[in-house]
Amino acid sequence: MGSAVKISIDPRVMLGKPVIRGTRITVERILRKLSQGATEADLLDAYPNLTIDDIHAALAYAADSLAHEESAVLETITVHGG
């Protein structure tokens, strides 16, 4: 199932942030948890209504969003994780 089917944007739900359809779990929350070291299993344990397909749809949605983003580089910036 594609990310477009799994992801919903509704101004009445979570202020219009992209969420997993039928939940209040935002794509941002999934990405943040994964970036902080959570595993897919951790997310599935924390959010019983979440499926592995939902996690993959959130990642695909984020990648698609970045792929369509336009940017203008004015100077080189180095970002250090931390």
PDB file of N, CA and C in Angstrom:
ATOM      1  N   MET A   1       0.854  -1.178   0.000  1.00  0.00           N
ATOM      2  CA  MET A   1       0.000   0.000   0.000  1.00  0.00           C
ATOM      3  C   MET A   1       0.893   1.233   0.000  1.00  0.00           C
ATOM      4  N   GLY A   2       0.598   2.215  -0.838  1.00  0.00           N
ATOM      5  CA  GLY A   2       1.420   3.399  -0.965  1.00  0.00           C
ATOM      6  C   GLY A   2       1.251   4.362   0.196  1.00  0.00           C
ATOM      7  N   SER A   3       2.232   5.253   0.341  1.00  0.00           N
ATOM      8  CA  SER A   3       2.179   6.197   1.448  1.00  0.00           C
ATOM      9  C   SER A   3       0.972   7.123   1.333  1.00  0.00           C
ATOM     10  N   ALA A   4       0.551   7.447   0.112  1.00  0.00           N
ATOM     11  CA  ALA A   4      -0.584   8.356  -0.066  1.00  0.00           C
ATOM     12  C   ALA A   4      -1.866   7.768   0.522  1.00  0.00           C
ATOM     13  N   VAL A   5      -1.978   6.460   0.544  1.00  0.00           N
ATOM     14  CA  VAL A   5      -3.169   5.807   1.080  1.00  0.00           C
ATOM     15  C   VAL A   5      -3.104   5.748   2.602  1.00  0.00           C
ATOM     16  N   LYS A   6      -1.915   5.627   3.148  1.00  0.00           N
ATOM     17  CA  LYS A   6      -1.731   5.479   4.590  1.00  0.00           C
ATOM     18  C   LYS A   6      -1.639   6.802   5.328  1.00  0.00           C
ATOM     19  N   ILE A   7      -1.283   7.871   4.640  1.00  0.00           N
ATOM     20  CA  ILE A   7      -1.058   9.170   5.271  1.00  0.00           C
ATOM     21  C   ILE A   7      -2.254  10.076   5.011  1.00  0.00           C
ATOM     22  N   SER A   8      -2.684  10.775   6.058  1.00  0.00           N
ATOM     23  CA  SER A   8      -3.832  11.669   5.955  1.00  0.00           C
ATOM     24  C   SER A   8      -3.436  13.059   6.443  1.00  0.00           C
ATOM     25  N   ILE A   9      -3.956  14.076   5.752  1.00  0.00           N
ATOM     26  CA  ILE A   9      -3.757  15.464   6.183  1.00  0.00           C
ATOM     27  C   ILE A   9      -5.137  16.091   6.297  1.00  0.00           C
ATOM     28  N   ASP A  10      -5.477  16.474   7.528  1.00  0.00           N
ATOM     29  CA  ASP A  10      -6.793  17.043   7.810  1.00  0.00           C
ATOM     30  C   ASP A  10      -6.585  18.173   8.813  1.00  0.00           C
ATOM     31  N   PRO A  11      -6.990  19.393   8.481  1.00  0.00           N
ATOM     32  CA  PRO A  11      -6.761  20.510   9.394  1.00  0.00           C
ATOM     33  C   PRO A  11      -7.409  20.326  10.772  1.00  0.00           C
ATOM     34  N   ARG A  12      -8.352  19.390  10.880  1.00  0.00           N
ATOM     35  CA  ARG A  12      -9.015  19.131  12.168  1.00  0.00           C
ATOM     36  C   ARG A  12      -8.268  18.106  13.013  1.00  0.00           C
ATOM     37  N   VAL A  13      -7.239  17.491  12.444  1.00  0.00           N
ATOM     38  CA  VAL A  13      -6.487  16.458  13.163  1.00  0.00           C
ATOM     39  C   VAL A  13      -5.037  16.903  13.278  1.00  0.00           C
ATOM     40  N   MET A  14      -4.563  17.055  14.492  1.00  0.00           N
ATOM     41  CA  MET A  14      -3.166  17.422  14.770  1.00  0.00           C
ATOM     42  C   MET A  14      -2.737  18.669  13.986  1.00  0.00           C
ATOM     43  N   LEU A  15      -3.636  19.641  13.918  1.00  0.00           N
ATOM     44  CA  LEU A  15      -3.360  20.928  13.255  1.00  0.00           C
ATOM     45  C   LEU A  15      -2.958  20.772  11.787  1.00  0.00           C
ATOM     46  N   GLY A  16      -3.439  19.711  11.162  1.00  0.00           N
ATOM     47  CA  GLY A  16      -3.166  19.515   9.737  1.00  0.00           C
ATOM     48  C   GLY A  16      -1.840  18.856   9.427  1.00  0.00           C
ATOM     49  N   LYS A  17      -1.117  18.411  10.451  1.00  0.00           N
ATOM     50  CA  LYS A  17       0.140  17.696  10.192  1.00  0.00           C
ATOM     51  C   LYS A  17      -0.177  16.336   9.576  1.00  0.00           C
ATOM     52  N   PRO A  18       0.702  15.820   8.740  1.00  0.00           N
ATOM     53  CA  PRO A  18       0.474  14.481   8.175  1.00  0.00           C
ATOM     54  C   PRO A  18       0.477  13.432   9.289  1.00  0.00           C
ATOM     55  N   VAL A  19      -0.544  12.607   9.297  1.00  0.00           N
ATOM     56  CA  VAL A  19      -0.673  11.545  10.301  1.00  0.00           C
ATOM     57  C   VAL A  19      -0.930  10.213   9.606  1.00  0.00           C
ATOM     58  N   ILE A  20      -0.706   9.148  10.343  1.00  0.00           N
ATOM     59  CA  ILE A  20      -1.104   7.827   9.877  1.00  0.00           C
ATOM     60  C   ILE A  20      -2.628   7.813   9.885  1.00  0.00           C
ATOM     61  N   ARG A  21      -3.228   7.501   8.742  1.00  0.00           N
ATOM     62  CA  ARG A  21      -4.691   7.540   8.589  1.00  0.00           C
ATOM     63  C   ARG A  21      -5.374   6.774   9.730  1.00  0.00           C
ATOM     64  N   GLY A  22      -6.396   7.417  10.303  1.00  0.00           N
ATOM     65  CA  GLY A  22      -7.171   6.785  11.366  1.00  0.00           C
ATOM     66  C   GLY A  22      -6.534   6.885  12.741  1.00  0.00           C
ATOM     67  N   THR A  23      -5.411   7.596  12.841  1.00  0.00           N
ATOM     68  CA  THR A  23      -4.740   7.782  14.135  1.00  0.00           C
ATOM     69  C   THR A  23      -4.403   9.251  14.319  1.00  0.00           C
ATOM     70  N   ARG A  24      -3.807   9.557  15.449  1.00  0.00           N
ATOM     71  CA  ARG A  24      -3.265  10.882  15.698  1.00  0.00           C
ATOM     72  C   ARG A  24      -1.739  10.798  15.785  1.00  0.00           C
ATOM     73  N   ILE A  25      -1.182   9.768  15.191  1.00  0.00           N
ATOM     74  CA  ILE A  25       0.276   9.568  15.180  1.00  0.00           C
ATOM     75  C   ILE A  25       0.832  10.300  13.964  1.00  0.00           C
ATOM     76  N   THR A  26       1.631  11.337  14.219  1.00  0.00           N
ATOM     77  CA  THR A  26       2.158  12.136  13.120  1.00  0.00           C
ATOM     78  C   THR A  26       3.378  11.472  12.477  1.00  0.00           C
ATOM     79  N   VAL A  27       3.557  11.778  11.208  1.00  0.00           N
ATOM     80  CA  VAL A  27       4.763  11.336  10.498  1.00  0.00           C
ATOM     81  C   VAL A  27       5.984  11.880  11.228  1.00  0.00           C
ATOM     82  N   GLU A  28       5.896  13.128  11.666  1.00  0.00           N
ATOM     83  CA  GLU A  28       7.007  13.736  12.394  1.00  0.00           C
ATOM     84  C   GLU A  28       7.386  12.930  13.629  1.00  0.00           C
ATOM     85  N   ARG A  29       6.389  12.477  14.399  1.00  0.00           N
ATOM     86  CA  ARG A  29       6.680  11.704  15.617  1.00  0.00           C
ATOM     87  C   ARG A  29       7.423  10.417  15.271  1.00  0.00           C
ATOM     88  N   ILE A  30       6.983   9.739  14.228  1.00  0.00           N
ATOM     89  CA  ILE A  30       7.646   8.500  13.820  1.00  0.00           C
ATOM     90  C   ILE A  30       9.094   8.787  13.435  1.00  0.00           C
ATOM     91  N   LEU A  31       9.302   9.830  12.634  1.00  0.00           N
ATOM     92  CA  LEU A  31      10.664  10.175  12.210  1.00  0.00           C
ATOM     93  C   LEU A  31      11.540  10.565  13.392  1.00  0.00           C
ATOM     94  N   ARG A  32      10.994  11.361  14.302  1.00  0.00           N
ATOM     95  CA  ARG A  32      11.776  11.782  15.473  1.00  0.00           C
ATOM     96  C   ARG A  32      12.177  10.585  16.329  1.00  0.00           C
ATOM     97  N   LYS A  33      11.222   9.704  16.573  1.00  0.00           N
ATOM     98  CA  LYS A  33      11.524   8.518  17.395  1.00  0.00           C
ATOM     99  C   LYS A  33      12.611   7.674  16.740  1.00  0.00           C
ATOM    100  N   LEU A  34      12.496   7.452  15.435  1.00  0.00           N
ATOM    101  CA  LEU A  34      13.519   6.673  14.739  1.00  0.00           C
ATOM    102  C   LEU A  34      14.865   7.387  14.785  1.00  0.00           C
ATOM    103  N   SER A  35      14.875   8.711  14.626  1.00  0.00           N
ATOM    104  CA  SER A  35      16.136   9.459  14.648  1.00  0.00           C
ATOM    105  C   SER A  35      16.772   9.460  16.029  1.00  0.00           C
ATOM    106  N   GLN A  36      15.960   9.235  17.058  1.00  0.00           N
ATOM    107  CA  GLN A  36      16.470   9.175  18.427  1.00  0.00           C
ATOM    108  C   GLN A  36      16.896   7.762  18.820  1.00  0.00           C
ATOM    109  N   GLY A  37      16.837   6.844  17.864  1.00  0.00           N
ATOM    110  CA  GLY A  37      17.330   5.502  18.119  1.00  0.00           C
ATOM    111  C   GLY A  37      16.267   4.439  18.349  1.00  0.00           C
ATOM    112  N   ALA A  38      15.004   4.827  18.323  1.00  0.00           N
ATOM    113  CA  ALA A  38      13.952   3.817  18.483  1.00  0.00           C
ATOM    114  C   ALA A  38      13.970   2.879  17.285  1.00  0.00           C
ATOM    115  N   THR A  39      13.634   1.636  17.539  1.00  0.00           N
ATOM    116  CA  THR A  39      13.529   0.659  16.454  1.00  0.00           C
ATOM    117  C   THR A  39      12.073   0.573  16.011  1.00  0.00           C
ATOM    118  N   GLU A  40      11.863  -0.083  14.895  1.00  0.00           N
ATOM    119  CA  GLU A  40      10.490  -0.313  14.449  1.00  0.00           C
ATOM    120  C   GLU A  40       9.719  -1.077  15.519  1.00  0.00           C
ATOM    121  N   ALA A  41      10.368  -2.034  16.144  1.00  0.00           N
ATOM    122  CA  ALA A  41       9.724  -2.819  17.208  1.00  0.00           C
ATOM    123  C   ALA A  41       9.333  -1.921  18.382  1.00  0.00           C
ATOM    124  N   ASP A  42      10.201  -0.960  18.735  1.00  0.00           N
ATOM    125  CA  ASP A  42       9.880  -0.018  19.808  1.00  0.00           C
ATOM    126  C   ASP A  42       8.606   0.762  19.482  1.00  0.00           C
ATOM    127  N   LEU A  43       8.513   1.230  18.236  1.00  0.00           N
ATOM    128  CA  LEU A  43       7.333   1.995  17.824  1.00  0.00           C
ATOM    129  C   LEU A  43       6.083   1.132  17.857  1.00  0.00           C
ATOM    130  N   LEU A  44       6.191  -0.089  17.388  1.00  0.00           N
ATOM    131  CA  LEU A  44       5.034  -0.994  17.383  1.00  0.00           C
ATOM    132  C   LEU A  44       4.570  -1.297  18.803  1.00  0.00           C
ATOM    133  N   ASP A  45       5.521  -1.400  19.742  1.00  0.00           N
ATOM    134  CA  ASP A  45       5.169  -1.619  21.147  1.00  0.00           C
ATOM    135  C   ASP A  45       4.509  -0.382  21.751  1.00  0.00           C
ATOM    136  N   ALA A  46       5.032   0.785  21.415  1.00  0.00           N
ATOM    137  CA  ALA A  46       4.537   2.036  21.998  1.00  0.00           C
ATOM    138  C   ALA A  46       3.176   2.433  21.442  1.00  0.00           C
ATOM    139  N   TYR A  47       2.926   2.082  20.184  1.00  0.00           N
ATOM    140  CA  TYR A  47       1.686   2.468  19.509  1.00  0.00           C
ATOM    141  C   TYR A  47       1.016   1.213  18.943  1.00  0.00           C
ATOM    142  N   PRO A  48       0.167   0.557  19.740  1.00  0.00           N
ATOM    143  CA  PRO A  48      -0.428  -0.720  19.335  1.00  0.00           C
ATOM    144  C   PRO A  48      -1.212  -0.682  18.025  1.00  0.00           C
ATOM    145  N   ASN A  49      -1.742   0.479  17.638  1.00  0.00           N
ATOM    146  CA  ASN A  49      -2.502   0.569  16.387  1.00  0.00           C
ATOM    147  C   ASN A  49      -1.607   0.751  15.171  1.00  0.00           C
ATOM    148  N   LEU A  50      -0.326   0.973  15.388  1.00  0.00           N
ATOM    149  CA  LEU A  50       0.633   1.193  14.310  1.00  0.00           C
ATOM    150  C   LEU A  50       1.059  -0.142  13.707  1.00  0.00           C
ATOM    151  N   THR A  51       1.269  -0.163  12.402  1.00  0.00           N
ATOM    152  CA  THR A  51       1.765  -1.372  11.733  1.00  0.00           C
ATOM    153  C   THR A  51       3.109  -1.068  11.083  1.00  0.00           C
ATOM    154  N   ILE A  52       3.806  -2.091  10.702  1.00  0.00           N
ATOM    155  CA  ILE A  52       5.086  -1.914  10.009  1.00  0.00           C
ATOM    156  C   ILE A  52       4.863  -1.171   8.687  1.00  0.00           C
ATOM    157  N   ASP A  53       3.750  -1.440   8.027  1.00  0.00           N
ATOM    158  CA  ASP A  53       3.427  -0.721   6.792  1.00  0.00           C
ATOM    159  C   ASP A  53       3.225   0.773   7.049  1.00  0.00           C
ATOM    160  N   ASP A  54       2.662   1.118   8.208  1.00  0.00           N
ATOM    161  CA  ASP A  54       2.485   2.526   8.568  1.00  0.00           C
ATOM    162  C   ASP A  54       3.839   3.224   8.713  1.00  0.00           C
ATOM    163  N   ILE A  55       4.767   2.555   9.369  1.00  0.00           N
ATOM    164  CA  ILE A  55       6.109   3.124   9.553  1.00  0.00           C
ATOM    165  C   ILE A  55       6.770   3.334   8.199  1.00  0.00           C
ATOM    166  N   HIS A  56       6.680   2.347   7.338  1.00  0.00           N
ATOM    167  CA  HIS A  56       7.273   2.467   6.001  1.00  0.00           C
ATOM    168  C   HIS A  56       6.602   3.571   5.192  1.00  0.00           C
ATOM    169  N   ALA A  57       5.289   3.712   5.352  1.00  0.00           N
ATOM    170  CA  ALA A  57       4.565   4.780   4.651  1.00  0.00           C
ATOM    171  C   ALA A  57       5.018   6.151   5.136  1.00  0.00           C
ATOM    172  N   ALA A  58       5.262   6.287   6.436  1.00  0.00           N
ATOM    173  CA  ALA A  58       5.749   7.561   6.988  1.00  0.00           C
ATOM    174  C   ALA A  58       7.118   7.899   6.415  1.00  0.00           C
ATOM    175  N   LEU A  59       7.997   6.917   6.323  1.00  0.00           N
ATOM    176  CA  LEU A  59       9.329   7.144   5.747  1.00  0.00           C
ATOM    177  C   LEU A  59       9.226   7.509   4.268  1.00  0.00           C
ATOM    178  N   ALA A  60       8.364   6.814   3.541  1.00  0.00           N
ATOM    179  CA  ALA A  60       8.191   7.107   2.116  1.00  0.00           C
ATOM    180  C   ALA A  60       7.603   8.503   1.921  1.00  0.00           C
ATOM    181  N   TYR A  61       6.648   8.875   2.775  1.00  0.00           N
ATOM    182  CA  TYR A  61       6.047  10.204   2.684  1.00  0.00           C
ATOM    183  C   TYR A  61       7.112  11.280   2.908  1.00  0.00           C
ATOM    184  N   ALA A  62       7.937  11.088   3.916  1.00  0.00           N
ATOM    185  CA  ALA A  62       8.995  12.060   4.211  1.00  0.00           C
ATOM    186  C   ALA A  62       9.975  12.157   3.049  1.00  0.00           C
ATOM    187  N   ALA A  63      10.368  11.029   2.491  1.00  0.00           N
ATOM    188  CA  ALA A  63      11.300  11.028   1.359  1.00  0.00           C
ATOM    189  C   ALA A  63      10.676  11.723   0.152  1.00  0.00           C
ATOM    190  N   ASP A  64       9.406  11.436  -0.114  1.00  0.00           N
ATOM    191  CA  ASP A  64       8.712  12.076  -1.236  1.00  0.00           C
ATOM    192  C   ASP A  64       8.611  13.579  -1.022  1.00  0.00           C
ATOM    193  N   SER A  65       8.338  13.990   0.217  1.00  0.00           N
ATOM    194  CA  SER A  65       8.234  15.419   0.525  1.00  0.00           C
ATOM    195  C   SER A  65       9.554  16.127   0.274  1.00  0.00           C
ATOM    196  N   LEU A  66      10.643  15.509   0.687  1.00  0.00           N
ATOM    197  CA  LEU A  66      11.966  16.108   0.470  1.00  0.00           C
ATOM    198  C   LEU A  66      12.343  16.110  -1.005  1.00  0.00           C
ATOM    199  N   ALA A  67      11.931  15.090  -1.721  1.00  0.00           N
ATOM    200  CA  ALA A  67      12.264  14.996  -3.147  1.00  0.00           C
ATOM    201  C   ALA A  67      11.621  16.120  -3.948  1.00  0.00           C
ATOM    202  N   HIS A  68      10.493  16.627  -3.472  1.00  0.00           N
ATOM    203  CA  HIS A  68       9.767  17.668  -4.198  1.00  0.00           C
ATOM    204  C   HIS A  68      10.039  19.065  -3.651  1.00  0.00           C
ATOM    205  N   GLU A  69      10.931  19.136  -2.677  1.00  0.00           N
ATOM    206  CA  GLU A  69      11.260  20.410  -2.062  1.00  0.00           C
ATOM    207  C   GLU A  69      12.267  21.158  -2.923  1.00  0.00           C
ATOM    208  N   GLU A  70      12.078  22.449  -3.058  1.00  0.00           N
ATOM    209  CA  GLU A  70      13.036  23.272  -3.778  1.00  0.00           C
ATOM    210  C   GLU A  70      13.862  24.029  -2.760  1.00  0.00           C
ATOM    211  N   SER A  71      15.138  24.169  -3.045  1.00  0.00           N
ATOM    212  CA  SER A  71      15.985  24.921  -2.131  1.00  0.00           C
ATOM    213  C   SER A  71      17.010  25.719  -2.914  1.00  0.00           C
ATOM    214  N   ALA A  72      17.429  26.785  -2.320  1.00  0.00           N
ATOM    215  CA  ALA A  72      18.473  27.619  -2.900  1.00  0.00           C
ATOM    216  C   ALA A  72      19.607  27.678  -1.897  1.00  0.00           C
ATOM    217  N   VAL A  73      20.780  27.286  -2.309  1.00  0.00           N
ATOM    218  CA  VAL A  73      21.931  27.282  -1.421  1.00  0.00           C
ATOM    219  C   VAL A  73      22.645  28.619  -1.564  1.00  0.00           C
ATOM    220  N   LEU A  74      22.676  29.358  -0.471  1.00  0.00           N
ATOM    221  CA  LEU A  74      23.341  30.654  -0.465  1.00  0.00           C
ATOM    222  C   LEU A  74      24.774  30.539   0.037  1.00  0.00           C
ATOM    223  N   GLU A  75      25.017  29.570   0.904  1.00  0.00           N
ATOM    224  CA  GLU A  75      26.345  29.297   1.403  1.00  0.00           C
ATOM    225  C   GLU A  75      26.381  27.865   1.888  1.00  0.00           C
ATOM    226  N   THR A  76      27.549  27.327   2.048  1.00  0.00           N
ATOM    227  CA  THR A  76      27.693  25.959   2.509  1.00  0.00           C
ATOM    228  C   THR A  76      27.477  25.936   4.015  1.00  0.00           C
ATOM    229  N   ILE A  77      26.614  25.037   4.463  1.00  0.00           N
ATOM    230  CA  ILE A  77      26.322  24.896   5.884  1.00  0.00           C
ATOM    231  C   ILE A  77      26.583  23.448   6.263  1.00  0.00           C
ATOM    232  N   THR A  78      27.311  23.242   7.369  1.00  0.00           N
ATOM    233  CA  THR A  78      27.564  21.901   7.857  1.00  0.00           C
ATOM    234  C   THR A  78      26.740  21.707   9.107  1.00  0.00           C
ATOM    235  N   VAL A  79      25.962  20.635   9.130  1.00  0.00           N
ATOM    236  CA  VAL A  79      25.118  20.339  10.285  1.00  0.00           C
ATOM    237  C   VAL A  79      25.724  19.143  10.988  1.00  0.00           C
ATOM    238  N   HIS A  80      25.935  19.304  12.278  1.00  0.00           N
ATOM    239  CA  HIS A  80      26.475  18.224  13.115  1.00  0.00           C
ATOM    240  C   HIS A  80      25.369  17.673  13.986  1.00  0.00           C
ATOM    241  N   GLY A  81      25.207  16.354  13.978  1.00  0.00           N
ATOM    242  CA  GLY A  81      24.207  15.725  14.846  1.00  0.00           C
ATOM    243  C   GLY A  81      24.619  15.869  16.292  1.00  0.00           C
ATOM    244  N   GLY A  82      23.652  15.780  17.137  1.00  0.00           N
ATOM    245  CA  GLY A  82      24.065  15.942  18.524  1.00  0.00           C
ATOM    246  C   GLY A  82      23.007  15.822  19.425  1.00  0.00           C
TER     247      GLY A  82
END
